[in-house]
Amino acid sequence: MKAAKRQQDALPENATDNLLNGLSYKDFPALRRARASLTVKSHDKKIDVFFRARILGMVGTLNLYLDPSLSYSWRECSLLVSKASGHGVHHARNLRTWIRRYLSSGKLPLHRYGTYHSSVLEDEDLAHEIQLHLTEISKKGYIRAQDVVDFVATPEIQARLAKMGKPRGISLRTAQRWLKKLSWRYTKKRNGMYIDGHEREDVVEYRKAFAKRWKEYEKRFVIYDNDGNEISRPTAGFSVPGVRFRLILVTHDESTFYENDRRKTKWVHSSETAVAEKKGEGQSVMASDFLTVEWGRLKDGEK
């Protein structure tokens, strides 16, 4: 027991610790009555093993603290009991909290293991309303988990939840779980058949010829690393009297914005099927530029 006394609890003291440390010998009769009451409760065959383990931990802590041959603090007593049951300092803190609560209000440390937690979605009418709301949004665009959060926060839905005893909002994570329960999945939009043609024989031959030609071009480039530092200079070039010409890579960077741009990933209901869409993306606007490593953007004056 003396060796066990050296167990350390590095957690800072809280209100429970301050209250228990403020008890004196005058409070010992109340502590003994609490221990006796908890001991009787621990023998109740109707309680489950988790509840009994908590009560026995409280009884063990009180036994050590009230033992006149020992001089353990509340922390040391609770830590010894916690270690003996295979737990650590956090469980020891829980033991002290449960004892303080029992002394002040007589409340026992109940648990929720194995209990059933109902979901708001078990109300079929409410689940149906959420489903209809999401379906209407999906017809006009894309739904988000935030749409569920906003819908639940409306006064009408809050009033219904109040009647169910659950007048509260929901988090974004909860909304995502609800979407899954309502058979929505965050995935790529399904399309019909798409033929690329990149494996046609003529396309494959063109790629091989281009790769071979590009290797010859690279011999005439100045090569830079990712930080813009020069790695190597060309050893070959165009034969011109007195000088050697090298190649400068000019890249063409462009972005095209279409009138009918669409997201590829969205919340999709499990019953949704691929639908026919207009061919093409509609009118477009292209932003284009020519870039070089040596000079940056190519421009004519200020243009």
C-alpha atoms as a PDB file:
ATOM      1  CA  MET A   1       0.000   0.000   0.000  1.00  0.00           C
ATOM      2  CA  LYS A   2       2.844   2.378   0.773  1.00  0.00           C
ATOM      3  CA  ALA A   3       4.351   1.755  -2.675  1.00  0.00           C
ATOM      4  CA  ALA A   4       0.992   2.374  -4.289  1.00  0.00           C
ATOM      5  CA  LYS A   5       0.788   5.728  -2.538  1.00  0.00           C
ATOM      6  CA  ARG A   6       3.441   7.030  -4.905  1.00  0.00           C
ATOM      7  CA  GLN A   7       1.022   6.876  -7.846  1.00  0.00           C
ATOM      8  CA  GLN A   8       0.800  10.324  -9.432  1.00  0.00           C
ATOM      9  CA  ASP A   9      -2.191  12.184 -10.880  1.00  0.00           C
ATOM     10  CA  ALA A  10      -0.977  15.093 -12.999  1.00  0.00           C
ATOM     11  CA  LEU A  11      -4.447  16.422 -13.825  1.00  0.00           C
ATOM     12  CA  PRO A  12      -5.109  19.914 -12.389  1.00  0.00           C
ATOM     13  CA  GLU A  13      -7.524  20.211  -9.488  1.00  0.00           C
ATOM     14  CA  ASN A  14     -11.113  21.084 -10.302  1.00  0.00           C
ATOM     15  CA  ALA A  15     -14.177  22.129  -8.316  1.00  0.00           C
ATOM     16  CA  THR A  16     -14.831  18.550  -7.190  1.00  0.00           C
ATOM     17  CA  ASP A  17     -11.305  18.231  -5.779  1.00  0.00           C
ATOM     18  CA  ASN A  18     -11.628  21.532  -3.929  1.00  0.00           C
ATOM     19  CA  LEU A  19     -14.956  20.474  -2.395  1.00  0.00           C
ATOM     20  CA  LEU A  20     -13.733  17.051  -1.262  1.00  0.00           C
ATOM     21  CA  ASN A  21     -10.478  18.456   0.099  1.00  0.00           C
ATOM     22  CA  GLY A  22     -12.545  20.897   2.152  1.00  0.00           C
ATOM     23  CA  LEU A  23     -14.216  18.068   4.095  1.00  0.00           C
ATOM     24  CA  SER A  24     -13.096  17.519   7.706  1.00  0.00           C
ATOM     25  CA  TYR A  25     -13.511  14.878  10.419  1.00  0.00           C
ATOM     26  CA  LYS A  26     -16.933  16.378  11.149  1.00  0.00           C
ATOM     27  CA  ASP A  27     -18.076  15.060   7.755  1.00  0.00           C
ATOM     28  CA  PHE A  28     -16.948  11.486   8.484  1.00  0.00           C
ATOM     29  CA  PRO A  29     -20.383  10.344   9.770  1.00  0.00           C
ATOM     30  CA  ALA A  30     -21.986  11.469   6.498  1.00  0.00           C
ATOM     31  CA  LEU A  31     -19.252   9.709   4.535  1.00  0.00           C
ATOM     32  CA  ARG A  32     -19.825   6.474   6.491  1.00  0.00           C
ATOM     33  CA  ARG A  33     -23.565   6.663   5.876  1.00  0.00           C
ATOM     34  CA  ALA A  34     -22.927   7.174   2.163  1.00  0.00           C
ATOM     35  CA  ARG A  35     -20.563   4.178   2.127  1.00  0.00           C
ATOM     36  CA  ALA A  36     -23.129   1.988   3.865  1.00  0.00           C
ATOM     37  CA  SER A  37     -25.880   3.034   1.474  1.00  0.00           C
ATOM     38  CA  LEU A  38     -23.685   2.399  -1.578  1.00  0.00           C
ATOM     39  CA  THR A  39     -22.632  -0.995  -0.225  1.00  0.00           C
ATOM     40  CA  VAL A  40     -26.256  -2.048   0.090  1.00  0.00           C
ATOM     41  CA  LYS A  41     -26.979  -0.768  -3.422  1.00  0.00           C
ATOM     42  CA  SER A  42     -24.055  -2.751  -4.857  1.00  0.00           C
ATOM     43  CA  HIS A  43     -25.724  -5.989  -3.684  1.00  0.00           C
ATOM     44  CA  ASP A  44     -28.886  -5.260  -5.648  1.00  0.00           C
ATOM     45  CA  LYS A  45     -29.231  -8.110  -8.161  1.00  0.00           C
ATOM     46  CA  LYS A  46     -31.299  -5.956 -10.512  1.00  0.00           C
ATOM     47  CA  ILE A  47     -28.451  -3.614 -11.461  1.00  0.00           C
ATOM     48  CA  ASP A  48     -26.107  -4.444 -14.329  1.00  0.00           C
ATOM     49  CA  VAL A  49     -22.368  -5.086 -14.127  1.00  0.00           C
ATOM     50  CA  PHE A  50     -21.375  -1.606 -15.359  1.00  0.00           C
ATOM     51  CA  PHE A  51     -23.486   0.157 -12.750  1.00  0.00           C
ATOM     52  CA  ARG A  52     -22.249  -2.196 -10.015  1.00  0.00           C
ATOM     53  CA  ALA A  53     -18.608  -1.584 -11.012  1.00  0.00           C
ATOM     54  CA  ARG A  54     -19.085   2.167 -10.616  1.00  0.00           C
ATOM     55  CA  ILE A  55     -20.708   1.811  -7.196  1.00  0.00           C
ATOM     56  CA  LEU A  56     -18.000  -0.593  -6.002  1.00  0.00           C
ATOM     57  CA  GLY A  57     -15.344   1.878  -7.155  1.00  0.00           C
ATOM     58  CA  MET A  58     -17.009   4.583  -5.051  1.00  0.00           C
ATOM     59  CA  VAL A  59     -17.194   2.229  -2.056  1.00  0.00           C
ATOM     60  CA  GLY A  60     -13.523   1.281  -2.447  1.00  0.00           C
ATOM     61  CA  THR A  61     -12.486   4.943  -2.564  1.00  0.00           C
ATOM     62  CA  LEU A  62     -14.499   5.725   0.581  1.00  0.00           C
ATOM     63  CA  ASN A  63     -13.038   2.672   2.366  1.00  0.00           C
ATOM     64  CA  LEU A  64      -9.479   3.850   1.776  1.00  0.00           C
ATOM     65  CA  TYR A  65     -10.237   7.449   2.705  1.00  0.00           C
ATOM     66  CA  LEU A  66     -12.057   6.510   5.944  1.00  0.00           C
ATOM     67  CA  ASP A  67      -9.434   3.937   7.051  1.00  0.00           C
ATOM     68  CA  PRO A  68      -7.848   5.453  10.230  1.00  0.00           C
ATOM     69  CA  SER A  69      -4.601   3.562   9.666  1.00  0.00           C
ATOM     70  CA  LEU A  70      -4.054   5.300   6.317  1.00  0.00           C
ATOM     71  CA  SER A  71      -3.493   8.919   5.449  1.00  0.00           C
ATOM     72  CA  TYR A  72      -4.434   8.965   1.789  1.00  0.00           C
ATOM     73  CA  SER A  73      -5.885  11.985   0.052  1.00  0.00           C
ATOM     74  CA  TRP A  74      -8.993  11.716  -2.107  1.00  0.00           C
ATOM     75  CA  ARG A  75      -6.781  11.686  -5.192  1.00  0.00           C
ATOM     76  CA  GLU A  76      -4.608   8.880  -3.902  1.00  0.00           C
ATOM     77  CA  CYS A  77      -7.591   6.803  -2.825  1.00  0.00           C
ATOM     78  CA  SER A  78      -9.421   7.164  -6.127  1.00  0.00           C
ATOM     79  CA  LEU A  79      -6.257   6.490  -8.139  1.00  0.00           C
ATOM     80  CA  LEU A  80      -5.512   3.290  -6.203  1.00  0.00           C
ATOM     81  CA  VAL A  81      -9.038   1.995  -6.808  1.00  0.00           C
ATOM     82  CA  SER A  82      -8.911   3.044 -10.451  1.00  0.00           C
ATOM     83  CA  LYS A  83      -5.580   1.290 -11.027  1.00  0.00           C
ATOM     84  CA  ALA A  84      -6.831  -1.847  -9.267  1.00  0.00           C
ATOM     85  CA  SER A  85      -9.774  -2.026 -11.695  1.00  0.00           C
ATOM     86  CA  GLY A  86      -7.549  -1.537 -14.742  1.00  0.00           C
ATOM     87  CA  HIS A  87      -8.240   2.161 -15.340  1.00  0.00           C
ATOM     88  CA  GLY A  88      -6.238   5.363 -15.041  1.00  0.00           C
ATOM     89  CA  VAL A  89      -6.341   8.945 -13.790  1.00  0.00           C
ATOM     90  CA  HIS A  90      -9.436   9.918 -15.766  1.00  0.00           C
ATOM     91  CA  HIS A  91     -11.466   7.140 -14.182  1.00  0.00           C
ATOM     92  CA  ALA A  92     -10.095   8.209 -10.798  1.00  0.00           C
ATOM     93  CA  ARG A  93     -11.406  11.712 -11.454  1.00  0.00           C
ATOM     94  CA  ASN A  94     -14.784  10.224 -12.369  1.00  0.00           C
ATOM     95  CA  LEU A  95     -14.865   8.344  -9.054  1.00  0.00           C
ATOM     96  CA  ARG A  96     -14.341  11.583  -7.140  1.00  0.00           C
ATOM     97  CA  THR A  97     -17.016  13.324  -9.220  1.00  0.00           C
ATOM     98  CA  TRP A  98     -19.533  10.532  -8.587  1.00  0.00           C
ATOM     99  CA  ILE A  99     -18.834  10.615  -4.836  1.00  0.00           C
ATOM    100  CA  ARG A 100     -19.217  14.389  -4.663  1.00  0.00           C
ATOM    101  CA  ARG A 101     -22.507  14.219  -6.602  1.00  0.00           C
ATOM    102  CA  TYR A 102     -23.823  11.421  -4.385  1.00  0.00           C
ATOM    103  CA  LEU A 103     -22.939  13.332  -1.224  1.00  0.00           C
ATOM    104  CA  SER A 104     -24.662  16.504  -2.416  1.00  0.00           C
ATOM    105  CA  SER A 105     -27.734  15.121  -4.206  1.00  0.00           C
ATOM    106  CA  GLY A 106     -27.875  11.365  -3.684  1.00  0.00           C
ATOM    107  CA  LYS A 107     -27.627  10.766  -7.449  1.00  0.00           C
ATOM    108  CA  LEU A 108     -26.018   7.532  -8.572  1.00  0.00           C
ATOM    109  CA  PRO A 109     -23.626   7.299 -11.554  1.00  0.00           C
ATOM    110  CA  LEU A 110     -25.968   5.849 -14.158  1.00  0.00           C
ATOM    111  CA  HIS A 111     -24.679   4.879 -17.592  1.00  0.00           C
ATOM    112  CA  ARG A 112     -26.178   4.614 -21.068  1.00  0.00           C
ATOM    113  CA  TYR A 113     -24.469   1.439 -22.274  1.00  0.00           C
ATOM    114  CA  GLY A 114     -26.890  -0.702 -24.260  1.00  0.00           C
ATOM    115  CA  THR A 115     -29.699   1.864 -24.136  1.00  0.00           C
ATOM    116  CA  TYR A 116     -31.686   2.675 -27.230  1.00  0.00           C
ATOM    117  CA  HIS A 117     -31.432   6.174 -28.691  1.00  0.00           C
ATOM    118  CA  SER A 118     -34.289   7.102 -30.973  1.00  0.00           C
ATOM    119  CA  SER A 119     -33.748   9.167 -34.086  1.00  0.00           C
ATOM    120  CA  VAL A 120     -35.861  12.051 -35.306  1.00  0.00           C
ATOM    121  CA  LEU A 121     -36.011  10.257 -38.653  1.00  0.00           C
ATOM    122  CA  GLU A 122     -38.149   7.546 -37.075  1.00  0.00           C
ATOM    123  CA  ASP A 123     -41.027   9.985 -37.528  1.00  0.00           C
ATOM    124  CA  GLU A 124     -42.030   8.864 -41.024  1.00  0.00           C
ATOM    125  CA  ASP A 125     -43.917  12.085 -41.775  1.00  0.00           C
ATOM    126  CA  LEU A 126     -40.932  14.244 -40.880  1.00  0.00           C
ATOM    127  CA  ALA A 127     -38.520  12.000 -42.797  1.00  0.00           C
ATOM    128  CA  HIS A 128     -40.863  12.224 -45.807  1.00  0.00           C
ATOM    129  CA  GLU A 129     -40.928  16.034 -45.611  1.00  0.00           C
ATOM    130  CA  ILE A 130     -37.122  16.183 -45.525  1.00  0.00           C
ATOM    131  CA  GLN A 131     -36.998  13.810 -48.477  1.00  0.00           C
ATOM    132  CA  LEU A 132     -39.402  15.975 -50.494  1.00  0.00           C
ATOM    133  CA  HIS A 133     -37.442  19.106 -49.629  1.00  0.00           C
ATOM    134  CA  LEU A 134     -34.194  17.538 -50.833  1.00  0.00           C
ATOM    135  CA  THR A 135     -35.821  16.218 -53.997  1.00  0.00           C
ATOM    136  CA  GLU A 136     -37.072  19.706 -54.914  1.00  0.00           C
ATOM    137  CA  ILE A 137     -33.604  21.161 -54.400  1.00  0.00           C
ATOM    138  CA  SER A 138     -31.980  18.402 -56.489  1.00  0.00           C
ATOM    139  CA  LYS A 139     -34.284  19.254 -59.408  1.00  0.00           C
ATOM    140  CA  LYS A 140     -32.863  22.776 -59.528  1.00  0.00           C
ATOM    141  CA  GLY A 141     -29.226  21.973 -58.801  1.00  0.00           C
ATOM    142  CA  TYR A 142     -27.208  20.216 -56.126  1.00  0.00           C
ATOM    143  CA  ILE A 143     -28.070  19.480 -52.528  1.00  0.00           C
ATOM    144  CA  ARG A 144     -25.727  19.947 -49.581  1.00  0.00           C
ATOM    145  CA  ALA A 145     -25.733  18.658 -46.036  1.00  0.00           C
ATOM    146  CA  GLN A 146     -26.188  22.292 -45.033  1.00  0.00           C
ATOM    147  CA  ASP A 147     -29.598  22.208 -46.738  1.00  0.00           C
ATOM    148  CA  VAL A 148     -30.739  19.649 -44.148  1.00  0.00           C
ATOM    149  CA  VAL A 149     -29.323  21.762 -41.305  1.00  0.00           C
ATOM    150  CA  ASP A 150     -31.179  24.839 -42.586  1.00  0.00           C
ATOM    151  CA  PHE A 151     -34.432  22.925 -43.083  1.00  0.00           C
ATOM    152  CA  VAL A 152     -34.382  21.532 -39.537  1.00  0.00           C
ATOM    153  CA  ALA A 153     -33.711  25.036 -38.198  1.00  0.00           C
ATOM    154  CA  THR A 154     -36.912  26.459 -39.725  1.00  0.00           C
ATOM    155  CA  PRO A 155     -39.597  27.494 -37.188  1.00  0.00           C
ATOM    156  CA  GLU A 156     -42.090  24.940 -38.533  1.00  0.00           C
ATOM    157  CA  ILE A 157     -39.735  21.978 -38.035  1.00  0.00           C
ATOM    158  CA  GLN A 158     -38.542  23.282 -34.669  1.00  0.00           C
ATOM    159  CA  ALA A 159     -42.167  23.448 -33.507  1.00  0.00           C
ATOM    160  CA  ARG A 160     -42.672  19.806 -34.509  1.00  0.00           C
ATOM    161  CA  LEU A 161     -39.468  18.768 -32.760  1.00  0.00           C
ATOM    162  CA  ALA A 162     -40.609  20.576 -29.627  1.00  0.00           C
ATOM    163  CA  LYS A 163     -43.731  18.399 -29.562  1.00  0.00           C
ATOM    164  CA  MET A 164     -41.448  15.360 -29.808  1.00  0.00           C
ATOM    165  CA  GLY A 165     -39.339  16.655 -26.931  1.00  0.00           C
ATOM    166  CA  LYS A 166     -36.354  17.326 -29.205  1.00  0.00           C
ATOM    167  CA  PRO A 167     -36.378  21.073 -30.005  1.00  0.00           C
ATOM    168  CA  ARG A 168     -32.836  21.469 -31.276  1.00  0.00           C
ATOM    169  CA  GLY A 169     -30.764  22.104 -34.350  1.00  0.00           C
ATOM    170  CA  ILE A 170     -28.421  19.551 -35.863  1.00  0.00           C
ATOM    171  CA  SER A 171     -24.772  19.646 -36.816  1.00  0.00           C
ATOM    172  CA  LEU A 172     -23.364  19.233 -40.306  1.00  0.00           C
ATOM    173  CA  ARG A 173     -22.096  15.771 -39.359  1.00  0.00           C
ATOM    174  CA  THR A 174     -25.573  14.735 -38.222  1.00  0.00           C
ATOM    175  CA  ALA A 175     -27.024  16.040 -41.488  1.00  0.00           C
ATOM    176  CA  GLN A 176     -24.580  13.862 -43.420  1.00  0.00           C
ATOM    177  CA  ARG A 177     -25.658  10.796 -41.429  1.00  0.00           C
ATOM    178  CA  TRP A 178     -29.308  11.645 -42.083  1.00  0.00           C
ATOM    179  CA  LEU A 179     -28.643  11.907 -45.811  1.00  0.00           C
ATOM    180  CA  LYS A 180     -27.208   8.395 -45.788  1.00  0.00           C
ATOM    181  CA  LYS A 181     -30.212   7.088 -43.852  1.00  0.00           C
ATOM    182  CA  LEU A 182     -32.449   8.711 -46.458  1.00  0.00           C
ATOM    183  CA  SER A 183     -30.567   6.804 -49.199  1.00  0.00           C
ATOM    184  CA  TRP A 184     -28.515   9.729 -50.520  1.00  0.00           C
ATOM    185  CA  ARG A 185     -24.887   9.071 -51.413  1.00  0.00           C
ATOM    186  CA  TYR A 186     -22.134  11.574 -52.091  1.00  0.00           C
ATOM    187  CA  THR A 187     -20.739  10.296 -55.373  1.00  0.00           C
ATOM    188  CA  LYS A 188     -20.006  11.150 -58.969  1.00  0.00           C
ATOM    189  CA  LYS A 189     -22.943  11.807 -61.215  1.00  0.00           C
ATOM    190  CA  ARG A 190     -23.701   8.807 -63.409  1.00  0.00           C
ATOM    191  CA  ASN A 191     -23.436   9.318 -67.155  1.00  0.00           C
ATOM    192  CA  GLY A 192     -24.397   7.250 -70.134  1.00  0.00           C
ATOM    193  CA  MET A 193     -21.951   5.533 -72.498  1.00  0.00           C
ATOM    194  CA  TYR A 194     -18.825   7.544 -73.329  1.00  0.00           C
ATOM    195  CA  ILE A 195     -16.336   6.576 -76.057  1.00  0.00           C
ATOM    196  CA  ASP A 196     -12.954   8.269 -75.909  1.00  0.00           C
ATOM    197  CA  GLY A 197     -11.027   6.714 -78.800  1.00  0.00           C
ATOM    198  CA  HIS A 198      -7.616   7.306 -77.217  1.00  0.00           C
ATOM    199  CA  GLU A 199      -6.587   3.697 -77.943  1.00  0.00           C
ATOM    200  CA  ARG A 200      -7.235   3.837 -81.692  1.00  0.00           C
ATOM    201  CA  GLU A 201      -4.230   2.636 -83.688  1.00  0.00           C
ATOM    202  CA  ASP A 202      -3.644   5.975 -85.413  1.00  0.00           C
ATOM    203  CA  VAL A 203      -3.816   7.841 -82.083  1.00  0.00           C
ATOM    204  CA  VAL A 204      -1.343   5.446 -80.461  1.00  0.00           C
ATOM    205  CA  GLU A 205       1.084   5.828 -83.393  1.00  0.00           C
ATOM    206  CA  TYR A 206       0.830   9.615 -83.195  1.00  0.00           C
ATOM    207  CA  ARG A 207       1.646   9.589 -79.463  1.00  0.00           C
ATOM    208  CA  LYS A 208       4.722   7.427 -80.033  1.00  0.00           C
ATOM    209  CA  ALA A 209       5.999   9.685 -82.814  1.00  0.00           C
ATOM    210  CA  PHE A 210       5.384  12.803 -80.711  1.00  0.00           C
ATOM    211  CA  ALA A 211       7.243  11.358 -77.693  1.00  0.00           C
ATOM    212  CA  LYS A 212      10.244  10.519 -79.887  1.00  0.00           C
ATOM    213  CA  ARG A 213      10.264  13.996 -81.410  1.00  0.00           C
ATOM    214  CA  TRP A 214       9.932  15.619 -77.976  1.00  0.00           C
ATOM    215  CA  LYS A 215      13.056  13.842 -76.691  1.00  0.00           C
ATOM    216  CA  GLU A 216      15.030  15.513 -79.486  1.00  0.00           C
ATOM    217  CA  TYR A 217      13.534  18.900 -78.619  1.00  0.00           C
ATOM    218  CA  GLU A 218      14.534  18.544 -74.954  1.00  0.00           C
ATOM    219  CA  LYS A 219      18.220  18.399 -75.952  1.00  0.00           C
ATOM    220  CA  ARG A 220      17.908  22.050 -77.046  1.00  0.00           C
ATOM    221  CA  PHE A 221      16.065  23.302 -73.907  1.00  0.00           C
ATOM    222  CA  VAL A 222      17.502  24.997 -70.843  1.00  0.00           C
ATOM    223  CA  ILE A 223      16.257  22.763 -68.025  1.00  0.00           C
ATOM    224  CA  TYR A 224      15.129  24.293 -64.720  1.00  0.00           C
ATOM    225  CA  ASP A 225      14.096  22.742 -61.402  1.00  0.00           C
ATOM    226  CA  ASN A 226      10.847  23.496 -59.585  1.00  0.00           C
ATOM    227  CA  ASP A 227      12.406  26.536 -57.898  1.00  0.00           C
ATOM    228  CA  GLY A 228      13.492  28.088 -61.201  1.00  0.00           C
ATOM    229  CA  ASN A 229      17.174  27.206 -60.826  1.00  0.00           C
ATOM    230  CA  GLU A 230      19.007  26.223 -64.002  1.00  0.00           C
ATOM    231  CA  ILE A 231      19.976  22.552 -64.062  1.00  0.00           C
ATOM    232  CA  SER A 232      21.493  22.121 -67.509  1.00  0.00           C
ATOM    233  CA  ARG A 233      22.021  23.982 -70.778  1.00  0.00           C
ATOM    234  CA  PRO A 234      21.699  22.528 -74.287  1.00  0.00           C
ATOM    235  CA  THR A 235      24.781  20.955 -75.861  1.00  0.00           C
ATOM    236  CA  ALA A 236      23.259  20.998 -79.314  1.00  0.00           C
ATOM    237  CA  GLY A 237      21.400  23.522 -81.397  1.00  0.00           C
ATOM    238  CA  PHE A 238      20.698  24.689 -84.921  1.00  0.00           C
ATOM    239  CA  SER A 239      23.824  25.053 -87.004  1.00  0.00           C
ATOM    240  CA  VAL A 240      24.213  28.786 -87.571  1.00  0.00           C
ATOM    241  CA  PRO A 241      27.595  30.334 -88.370  1.00  0.00           C
ATOM    242  CA  GLY A 242      29.213  31.710 -85.219  1.00  0.00           C
ATOM    243  CA  VAL A 243      26.358  30.840 -82.798  1.00  0.00           C
ATOM    244  CA  ARG A 244      24.080  28.015 -81.770  1.00  0.00           C
ATOM    245  CA  PHE A 245      20.332  28.543 -81.538  1.00  0.00           C
ATOM    246  CA  ARG A 246      18.464  26.850 -78.716  1.00  0.00           C
ATOM    247  CA  LEU A 247      14.776  26.110 -78.368  1.00  0.00           C
ATOM    248  CA  ILE A 248      12.562  27.963 -75.895  1.00  0.00           C
ATOM    249  CA  LEU A 249       9.467  26.125 -74.766  1.00  0.00           C
ATOM    250  CA  VAL A 250       6.304  28.182 -75.106  1.00  0.00           C
ATOM    251  CA  THR A 251       3.296  26.655 -73.394  1.00  0.00           C
ATOM    252  CA  HIS A 252      -0.270  27.560 -74.138  1.00  0.00           C
ATOM    253  CA  ASP A 253      -2.383  27.747 -70.985  1.00  0.00           C
ATOM    254  CA  GLU A 254      -6.101  28.176 -71.348  1.00  0.00           C
ATOM    255  CA  SER A 255      -9.298  27.742 -69.401  1.00  0.00           C
ATOM    256  CA  THR A 256     -12.725  27.491 -70.957  1.00  0.00           C
ATOM    257  CA  PHE A 257     -15.822  28.359 -68.969  1.00  0.00           C
ATOM    258  CA  TYR A 258     -19.068  26.917 -70.298  1.00  0.00           C
ATOM    259  CA  GLU A 259     -22.580  28.121 -69.819  1.00  0.00           C
ATOM    260  CA  ASN A 260     -23.709  24.696 -68.648  1.00  0.00           C
ATOM    261  CA  ASP A 261     -20.758  23.779 -66.439  1.00  0.00           C
ATOM    262  CA  ARG A 262     -21.840  21.075 -64.004  1.00  0.00           C
ATOM    263  CA  ARG A 263     -20.438  19.533 -60.865  1.00  0.00           C
ATOM    264  CA  LYS A 264     -19.394  15.899 -61.176  1.00  0.00           C
ATOM    265  CA  THR A 265     -19.760  14.935 -57.506  1.00  0.00           C
ATOM    266  CA  LYS A 266     -22.936  15.495 -55.534  1.00  0.00           C
ATOM    267  CA  TRP A 267     -25.476  13.878 -53.213  1.00  0.00           C
ATOM    268  CA  VAL A 268     -27.406  11.355 -55.322  1.00  0.00           C
ATOM    269  CA  HIS A 269     -30.423   9.374 -54.177  1.00  0.00           C
ATOM    270  CA  SER A 270     -30.148   5.616 -54.569  1.00  0.00           C
ATOM    271  CA  SER A 271     -33.243   5.552 -56.783  1.00  0.00           C
ATOM    272  CA  GLU A 272     -31.908   8.172 -59.212  1.00  0.00           C
ATOM    273  CA  THR A 273     -31.038   7.002 -62.721  1.00  0.00           C
ATOM    274  CA  ALA A 274     -28.996   8.607 -65.478  1.00  0.00           C
ATOM    275  CA  VAL A 275     -31.000  11.128 -67.477  1.00  0.00           C
ATOM    276  CA  ALA A 276     -30.565  12.509 -70.966  1.00  0.00           C
ATOM    277  CA  GLU A 277     -28.934  15.926 -71.101  1.00  0.00           C
ATOM    278  CA  LYS A 278     -28.391  18.535 -73.769  1.00  0.00           C
ATOM    279  CA  LYS A 279     -25.452  17.830 -76.004  1.00  0.00           C
ATOM    280  CA  GLY A 280     -22.677  20.326 -75.451  1.00  0.00           C
ATOM    281  CA  GLU A 281     -22.035  22.743 -72.642  1.00  0.00           C
ATOM    282  CA  GLY A 282     -23.596  25.819 -74.198  1.00  0.00           C
ATOM    283  CA  GLN A 283     -21.835  29.096 -74.911  1.00  0.00           C
ATOM    284  CA  SER A 284     -18.302  29.459 -73.629  1.00  0.00           C
ATOM    285  CA  VAL A 285     -15.663  32.019 -72.702  1.00  0.00           C
ATOM    286  CA  MET A 286     -11.977  31.169 -73.106  1.00  0.00           C
ATOM    287  CA  ALA A 287      -9.164  32.707 -71.066  1.00  0.00           C
ATOM    288  CA  SER A 288      -5.872  32.032 -72.846  1.00  0.00           C
ATOM    289  CA  ASP A 289      -2.194  32.884 -72.388  1.00  0.00           C
ATOM    290  CA  PHE A 290       1.266  31.880 -73.635  1.00  0.00           C
ATOM    291  CA  LEU A 291       3.907  31.194 -71.003  1.00  0.00           C
ATOM    292  CA  THR A 292       7.683  30.706 -71.017  1.00  0.00           C
ATOM    293  CA  VAL A 293      10.104  29.835 -68.233  1.00  0.00           C
ATOM    294  CA  GLU A 294      12.558  32.520 -69.361  1.00  0.00           C
ATOM    295  CA  TRP A 295      10.221  35.504 -69.769  1.00  0.00           C
ATOM    296  CA  GLY A 296       6.962  34.560 -68.155  1.00  0.00           C
ATOM    297  CA  ARG A 297       3.818  35.651 -70.019  1.00  0.00           C
ATOM    298  CA  LEU A 298       4.332  36.586 -73.642  1.00  0.00           C
ATOM    299  CA  LYS A 299       2.964  40.044 -74.333  1.00  0.00           C
ATOM    300  CA  ASP A 300       3.172  42.855 -76.806  1.00  0.00           C
ATOM    301  CA  GLY A 301       3.956  45.994 -74.865  1.00  0.00           C
ATOM    302  CA  GLU A 302       1.353  46.099 -72.094  1.00  0.00           C
ATOM    303  CA  LYS A 303      -0.943  43.664 -73.873  1.00  0.00           C
END
